[in-house]
Protein backbone atom coordinates (compact mmCIF):
# COMPACT_ATOMS: atom_id res chain seq x y z
CA UNK A 1 4.21 -23.38 10.42
CA UNK A 2 3.14 -24.99 6.95
CA UNK A 3 3.21 -23.19 3.80
CA UNK A 4 -0.53 -22.61 3.65
CA UNK A 5 -0.45 -20.98 6.90
CA UNK A 6 2.38 -18.92 6.11
CA UNK A 7 0.45 -17.79 3.01
CA UNK A 8 -2.29 -16.46 4.84
CA UNK A 9 -0.11 -14.64 7.25
CA UNK A 10 1.57 -13.01 4.30
CA UNK A 11 -1.45 -11.87 2.78
CA UNK A 12 -2.51 -10.21 6.20
CA UNK A 13 0.78 -8.33 6.52
CA UNK A 14 1.05 -7.63 2.85
CA UNK A 15 -2.49 -6.42 1.80
CA UNK A 16 -2.97 -4.61 4.78
CA UNK A 17 -1.31 -3.54 2.54
CA UNK A 18 -4.54 -4.94 0.58
CA UNK A 19 -7.28 -6.22 2.45
CA UNK A 20 -9.24 -4.06 5.42
CA UNK A 21 -9.45 -4.54 8.86
CA UNK A 22 -11.98 -7.46 8.79
CA UNK A 23 -10.05 -9.54 6.02
CA UNK A 24 -6.87 -8.98 8.64
CA UNK A 25 -8.36 -10.48 11.46
CA UNK A 26 -9.33 -13.60 9.77
CA UNK A 27 -6.12 -14.19 8.15
CA UNK A 28 -3.75 -13.74 11.13
CA UNK A 29 -4.23 -16.82 13.06
CA UNK A 30 -7.37 -19.13 13.69
CA UNK A 31 -6.48 -18.69 17.38
CA UNK A 32 -5.45 -15.13 17.54
CA UNK A 33 -8.41 -12.42 18.02
CA UNK A 34 -8.52 -9.05 16.86
CA UNK A 35 -7.70 -7.61 20.20
CA UNK A 36 -4.81 -9.70 20.59
CA UNK A 37 -3.69 -8.50 17.26
CA UNK A 38 -3.79 -4.99 18.10
CA UNK A 39 -2.12 -5.39 21.39
CA UNK A 40 0.60 -7.64 19.85
CA UNK A 41 1.53 -4.89 17.11
CA UNK A 42 1.28 -1.56 19.01
CA UNK A 43 3.49 -3.18 21.70
CA UNK A 44 6.46 -3.37 19.00
CA UNK A 45 9.51 -1.81 20.30
CA UNK A 46 9.95 1.77 19.32
CA UNK A 47 12.23 2.31 16.36
CA UNK A 48 15.63 3.79 16.63
CA UNK A 49 16.05 6.74 14.59
CA UNK A 50 17.76 7.22 12.04
CA UNK A 51 17.68 3.85 10.83
CA UNK A 52 21.05 2.01 10.16
CA UNK A 53 21.46 1.39 6.33
CA UNK A 54 22.62 -2.19 6.23
CA UNK A 55 24.55 -2.06 2.70
CA UNK A 56 26.83 0.13 1.48
CA UNK A 57 25.10 2.47 -1.04
CA UNK A 58 27.13 3.43 -4.14
CA UNK A 59 26.26 6.13 -6.47
CA UNK A 60 25.10 3.75 -9.01
CA UNK A 61 22.58 2.38 -6.54
CA UNK A 62 20.61 5.55 -5.79
CA UNK A 63 18.53 7.90 -7.85
CA UNK A 64 19.71 11.39 -8.77
CA UNK A 65 17.89 13.62 -6.38
CA UNK A 66 16.33 16.03 -8.61
CA UNK A 67 12.75 17.53 -7.69
CA UNK A 68 10.15 16.51 -9.83
CA UNK A 69 7.93 19.23 -8.66
CA UNK A 70 5.16 19.73 -6.19
CA UNK A 71 5.58 19.65 -2.54
CA UNK A 72 3.37 17.66 0.13
CA UNK A 73 -0.01 18.16 -0.14
CA UNK A 74 -2.74 17.17 2.60
CA UNK A 75 -2.24 13.56 3.78
CA UNK A 76 -5.26 11.42 3.60
CA UNK A 77 -5.35 8.49 6.32
CA UNK A 78 -7.36 6.07 8.23
CA UNK A 79 -8.25 6.09 11.78
CA UNK A 80 -10.66 4.15 14.05
CA UNK A 81 -13.36 4.54 16.70
CA UNK A 82 -12.69 3.95 20.34
CA UNK A 83 -13.90 0.31 19.67
CA UNK A 84 -11.58 -0.34 16.48
CA UNK A 85 -14.58 -1.66 14.85
CA UNK A 86 -15.24 1.62 12.50
CA UNK A 87 -12.59 3.06 10.33
CA UNK A 88 -12.90 6.31 8.24
CA UNK A 89 -10.92 8.60 6.32
CA UNK A 90 -9.29 11.82 7.81
CA UNK A 91 -7.42 14.35 5.97
CA UNK A 92 -4.60 16.69 7.85
CA UNK A 93 -1.83 19.02 6.43
CA UNK A 94 1.52 17.43 6.16
CA UNK A 95 2.65 18.68 9.40
CA UNK A 96 -0.37 17.32 11.42
CA UNK A 97 -2.48 20.51 11.69
CA UNK A 98 -5.95 20.92 10.10
CA UNK A 99 -7.13 17.44 10.66
CA UNK A 100 -10.67 16.95 9.21
CA UNK A 101 -12.94 13.63 9.29
CA UNK A 102 -14.04 12.97 5.65
CA UNK A 103 -16.39 10.10 6.11
CA UNK A 104 -18.59 8.88 9.19
CA UNK A 105 -19.78 5.24 8.12
CA UNK A 106 -20.46 2.17 9.81
CA UNK A 107 -18.15 -0.61 8.92
CA UNK A 108 -14.58 -0.36 7.66
CA UNK A 109 -12.95 1.85 5.12
CA UNK A 110 -9.36 0.97 3.67
CA UNK A 111 -6.73 1.99 0.77
CA UNK A 112 -7.76 5.72 0.23
CA UNK A 113 -5.73 7.00 -2.74
CA UNK A 114 -5.98 10.24 -4.18
CA UNK A 115 -6.43 10.69 -7.89
CA UNK A 116 -3.26 11.87 -9.77
CA UNK A 117 -4.71 15.68 -9.86
CA UNK A 118 -5.80 15.51 -6.41
CA UNK A 119 -9.33 15.97 -7.38
CA UNK A 120 -10.91 12.65 -6.19
CA UNK A 121 -10.20 9.81 -3.67
CA UNK A 122 -11.09 6.33 -4.34
CA UNK A 123 -11.27 3.80 -1.44
CA UNK A 124 -12.66 0.46 -0.60
CA UNK A 125 -15.37 -0.02 2.00
CA UNK A 126 -16.88 -3.22 3.80
CA UNK A 127 -20.15 -2.48 5.52
CA UNK A 128 -19.99 -5.75 7.55
CA UNK A 129 -17.58 -8.67 8.34
CA UNK A 130 -19.60 -10.85 6.01
CA UNK A 131 -20.06 -8.23 3.33
CA UNK A 132 -17.74 -7.98 0.50
CA UNK A 133 -15.74 -4.84 0.28
CA UNK A 134 -16.52 -2.53 -2.53
CA UNK A 135 -14.80 0.80 -4.26
CA UNK A 136 -16.15 4.25 -4.13
CA UNK A 137 -14.97 7.79 -4.91
CA UNK A 138 -15.65 11.10 -3.46
CA UNK A 139 -14.61 14.59 -3.62
CA UNK A 140 -11.37 15.90 -1.15
CA UNK A 141 -13.89 17.17 1.51
CA UNK A 142 -15.89 14.02 1.53
CA UNK A 143 -18.90 14.87 -0.69
CA UNK A 144 -20.63 13.06 -3.57
CA UNK A 145 -19.58 9.53 -2.61
CA UNK A 146 -20.25 7.23 -5.53
CA UNK A 147 -19.94 3.61 -5.31
CA UNK A 148 -18.13 2.34 -8.75
CA UNK A 149 -17.70 -1.31 -8.25
CA UNK A 150 -20.38 -3.50 -9.93
CA UNK A 151 -20.11 -7.10 -8.47
CA UNK A 152 -21.30 -7.28 -5.16
CA UNK A 153 -20.33 -10.99 -5.31
CA UNK A 154 -16.46 -10.29 -4.52
CA UNK A 155 -14.08 -8.11 -3.05
CA UNK A 156 -12.74 -4.94 -4.57
CA UNK A 157 -9.35 -3.59 -2.86
CA UNK A 158 -6.21 -1.55 -3.35
CA UNK A 159 -7.38 0.90 -5.95
CA UNK A 160 -4.56 2.84 -8.15
CA UNK A 161 -5.51 5.59 -10.57
CA UNK A 162 -3.91 5.61 -14.16
CA UNK A 163 -1.77 8.92 -14.71
CA UNK A 164 -4.56 10.37 -16.51
CA UNK A 165 -7.28 9.53 -13.95
CA UNK A 166 -9.83 7.97 -16.52
CA UNK A 167 -9.01 4.31 -15.40
CA UNK A 168 -8.72 2.49 -12.02
CA UNK A 169 -6.47 -0.62 -11.50
CA UNK A 170 -7.72 -2.64 -8.50
CA UNK A 171 -7.26 -6.27 -6.83
CA UNK A 172 -10.32 -8.33 -6.62
CA UNK A 173 -11.63 -12.04 -5.71
CA UNK A 174 -13.98 -13.79 -3.58
CA UNK A 175 -11.68 -15.59 -1.39
CA UNK A 176 -7.74 -14.93 -0.13
CA UNK A 177 -6.94 -17.64 -2.80
CA UNK A 178 -8.13 -15.93 -5.86
CA UNK A 179 -7.15 -12.44 -6.08
CA UNK A 180 -6.41 -11.17 -9.26
CA UNK A 181 -5.82 -7.61 -10.99
CA UNK A 182 -8.54 -5.86 -12.76
CA UNK A 183 -8.87 -2.31 -14.71
CA UNK A 184 -12.08 -0.23 -15.30
CA UNK A 185 -13.08 3.30 -16.28
CA UNK A 186 -13.05 5.74 -13.55
CA UNK A 187 -16.99 5.48 -13.43
CA UNK A 188 -16.67 1.81 -12.78
CA UNK A 189 -17.45 0.81 -16.56
CA UNK A 190 -15.78 -1.57 -18.65
CA UNK A 191 -14.23 -3.95 -16.00
CA UNK A 192 -11.26 -6.02 -17.25
CA UNK A 193 -9.40 -8.71 -15.66
CA UNK A 194 -5.64 -8.41 -16.47
CA UNK A 195 -3.86 -11.17 -14.90
CA UNK A 196 -4.40 -14.70 -16.03
CA UNK A 197 -5.52 -16.45 -12.69
CA UNK A 198 -2.64 -18.85 -12.74
CA UNK A 199 -1.65 -17.35 -9.28
CA UNK A 200 -2.55 -14.79 -6.53
CA UNK A 201 -1.97 -11.18 -7.59
CA UNK A 202 -2.62 -8.05 -5.81
CA UNK A 203 -1.44 -4.54 -5.07
CA UNK A 204 -1.09 -2.78 -8.40
CA UNK A 205 0.74 0.39 -8.99
CA UNK A 206 0.73 2.27 -12.05
CA UNK A 207 3.76 3.83 -13.54
CA UNK A 208 3.87 7.47 -14.03
CA UNK A 209 3.91 7.33 -17.77
CA UNK A 210 0.86 4.99 -17.47
CA UNK A 211 2.72 2.01 -19.88
CA UNK A 212 3.38 -0.43 -17.21
CA UNK A 213 1.72 -1.93 -13.67
CA UNK A 214 3.67 -3.07 -10.94
CA UNK A 215 2.13 -5.85 -8.58
CA UNK A 216 2.93 -8.61 -6.07
CA UNK A 217 2.24 -12.28 -7.66
CA UNK A 218 2.41 -15.20 -5.72
CA UNK A 219 3.43 -18.80 -7.35
CA UNK A 220 3.18 -21.47 -4.60
CA UNK A 221 2.59 -18.89 -1.94
CA UNK A 222 5.69 -17.10 -2.58
CA UNK A 223 5.17 -13.56 -3.22
CA UNK A 224 7.50 -11.56 -5.87
CA UNK A 225 7.14 -7.99 -7.29
CA UNK A 226 5.99 -8.39 -11.09
CA UNK A 227 5.73 -5.42 -14.06
CA UNK A 228 3.63 -5.89 -16.86
CA UNK A 229 2.08 -3.87 -19.58
CA UNK A 230 -1.10 -2.05 -18.53
CA UNK A 231 -3.15 -4.04 -20.55
CA UNK A 232 -1.82 -7.14 -18.52
CA UNK A 233 0.69 -8.66 -21.17
CA UNK A 234 4.06 -9.69 -21.12
CA UNK A 235 4.05 -9.85 -17.13
CA UNK A 236 7.59 -10.38 -15.61
CA UNK A 237 9.32 -10.92 -12.21
CA UNK A 238 11.84 -8.15 -11.11
CA UNK A 239 12.70 -9.61 -7.67
CA UNK A 240 13.63 -13.02 -6.66
CA UNK A 241 14.13 -12.55 -2.64
CA UNK A 242 12.19 -15.58 -1.49
CA UNK A 243 10.57 -13.74 1.44
CA UNK A 244 7.28 -11.72 2.16
CA UNK A 245 7.11 -8.74 0.00
CA UNK A 246 4.64 -5.61 0.27
CA UNK A 247 3.17 -3.66 -2.64
CA UNK A 248 5.50 -1.78 -4.73
CA UNK A 249 5.18 2.25 -5.27
CA UNK A 250 6.94 3.56 -8.31
CA UNK A 251 9.17 7.02 -8.03
CA UNK A 252 7.78 10.22 -9.90
CA UNK A 253 10.22 9.86 -12.83
CA UNK A 254 9.70 6.03 -13.10
CA UNK A 255 12.90 5.21 -12.52
CA UNK A 256 12.67 3.40 -9.25
CA UNK A 257 10.59 1.33 -6.95
CA UNK A 258 10.23 1.13 -3.37
CA UNK A 259 8.63 -1.58 -1.48
CA UNK A 260 8.24 -3.47 2.17
CA UNK A 261 9.74 -6.86 2.86
CA UNK A 262 10.88 -9.37 5.41
CA UNK A 263 13.90 -10.23 3.60
CA UNK A 264 16.50 -9.20 6.26
CA UNK A 265 17.44 -12.11 8.92
CA UNK A 266 15.28 -10.55 11.69
CA UNK A 267 12.31 -11.16 9.44
CA UNK A 268 11.35 -7.61 10.44
CA UNK A 269 9.54 -5.58 7.76
CA UNK A 270 12.04 -3.19 6.25
CA UNK A 271 12.01 -0.78 3.65
CA UNK A 272 13.84 -1.28 0.22
CA UNK A 273 14.82 0.52 -2.98
CA UNK A 274 15.38 -0.81 -6.44
CA UNK A 275 15.68 0.01 -9.95
CA UNK A 276 12.35 -0.47 -11.88
CA UNK A 277 13.83 -3.61 -13.61
CA UNK A 278 14.86 -5.06 -10.21
CA UNK A 279 18.46 -4.39 -10.10
CA UNK A 280 20.48 -2.16 -7.56
CA UNK A 281 18.38 -3.73 -4.70
CA UNK A 282 19.01 -1.67 -1.66
CA UNK A 283 17.74 -2.07 2.18
CA UNK A 284 17.46 1.52 3.57
CA UNK A 285 15.93 0.93 6.83
CA UNK A 286 17.10 -1.44 9.65
CA UNK A 287 14.71 -1.02 12.99
CA UNK A 288 13.44 -3.06 15.60
CA UNK A 289 9.80 -2.74 14.47
CA UNK A 290 7.89 -2.77 11.38
CA UNK A 291 8.58 -0.26 8.58
CA UNK A 292 5.62 -0.44 6.29
CA UNK A 293 3.63 1.14 3.26
CA UNK A 294 6.56 3.11 1.87
CA UNK A 295 6.02 5.87 -0.72
CA UNK A 296 7.93 8.35 -2.67
CA UNK A 297 7.34 12.20 -1.81
CA UNK A 298 5.82 13.95 -4.47
CA UNK A 299 9.18 15.64 -5.55
CA UNK A 300 10.97 12.47 -5.75
CA UNK A 301 13.50 13.34 -3.26
CA UNK A 302 11.98 11.35 0.06
CA UNK A 303 10.61 8.33 0.92
CA UNK A 304 7.66 8.33 3.54
CA UNK A 305 6.33 5.24 5.72
CA UNK A 306 4.32 3.98 8.32
CA UNK A 307 6.95 3.23 11.53
CA UNK A 308 4.82 0.79 12.74
CA UNK A 309 2.29 1.70 14.18
CA UNK A 310 0.55 4.87 13.09
CA UNK A 311 4.04 6.79 13.11
CA UNK A 312 3.99 8.51 9.90
CA UNK A 313 7.80 9.56 9.15
CA UNK A 314 9.96 10.67 5.93
CA UNK A 315 13.59 10.15 4.87
CA UNK A 316 15.93 10.58 2.51
CA UNK A 317 16.48 7.76 -0.28
CA UNK A 318 19.56 6.44 1.43
CA UNK A 319 17.71 6.19 4.70
CA UNK A 320 19.24 9.24 6.56
CA UNK A 321 17.49 12.33 8.04
CA UNK A 322 14.58 10.57 9.46
CA UNK A 323 11.97 12.77 10.87
CA UNK A 324 8.88 11.87 12.24
CA UNK A 325 5.84 13.96 10.81
CA UNK A 326 2.92 12.78 12.74
CA UNK A 327 2.39 10.13 15.65
CA UNK A 328 -1.50 9.82 15.47
CA UNK A 329 -2.34 9.48 11.85
CA UNK A 330 -3.54 6.03 11.90
CA UNK A 331 -3.70 3.11 9.37
CA UNK A 332 -2.73 3.70 5.92
CA UNK A 333 -2.04 6.96 4.26
CA UNK A 334 -1.94 8.71 0.89
CA UNK A 335 -0.24 12.36 -0.43
CA UNK A 336 -2.33 14.72 -2.21
CA UNK A 337 -0.74 15.81 -5.37
């Protein structure tokens, strides 16, 4: 497979991660249908729990497990209809009870994310396959849905709220080769591009103190995790894995970053943990299936992830004590603060 083809495959896997389902269908392979994609993914072998840690984890490689505060609120996630053509946002309690459908739209919704205080939900929506995805916000019960993106001529995706809820960072582009990071006010005003266009950039995640943004940037079709100031200045790579990488997520104390990568020899997607400067990298899952979309628990003591596919699981920071929370939660998710 040539490098251009590898790039498009990586965008599907990472931005699934970053793009919505229609974009995924287009990026997997010119000869592979959306139906074939679903079959190939869901037929992955069942993961063995708990996962085996492939590296020895020393005390200096792990955060001090001190709860930051909060527990696990409601989970928002995506679920499709019987034809896998429409994806809507649902919410449920962390134990899988109290499920509620929040949107009832034709088309595909992607990347739902809670605002820091849990009072709003932002998400991306594409009405048809040929339309550009746009950004919306709504209340936790699905009411007062408001479009906040301002340019119908390009895609808006992967929203992430600033810690004070006043701004939203997001990825945007017209095609798969021009994604950049932007920031705008939470009402959609004052939109500003903060990456320089030198390479494809996507999947922003704001640091807890609001001063930094972590993201993935691709130079010569090689993705690595970068960190920059929240105004886009001083971008620096903090990984050099030479492998596919998914969007980063900060720990609640800002000391660590968790992400998915195909760095291991089997080329399976596994979960990795490192300090926020890229040091002390540790692989914390080693399964025979894809481990995707990792996030820290709200108290900073656990990592949740999607054990492909649609199995919401949680574990300690060293990969131990794996607990499967829900096996029907759907595609993509976020915890309520």
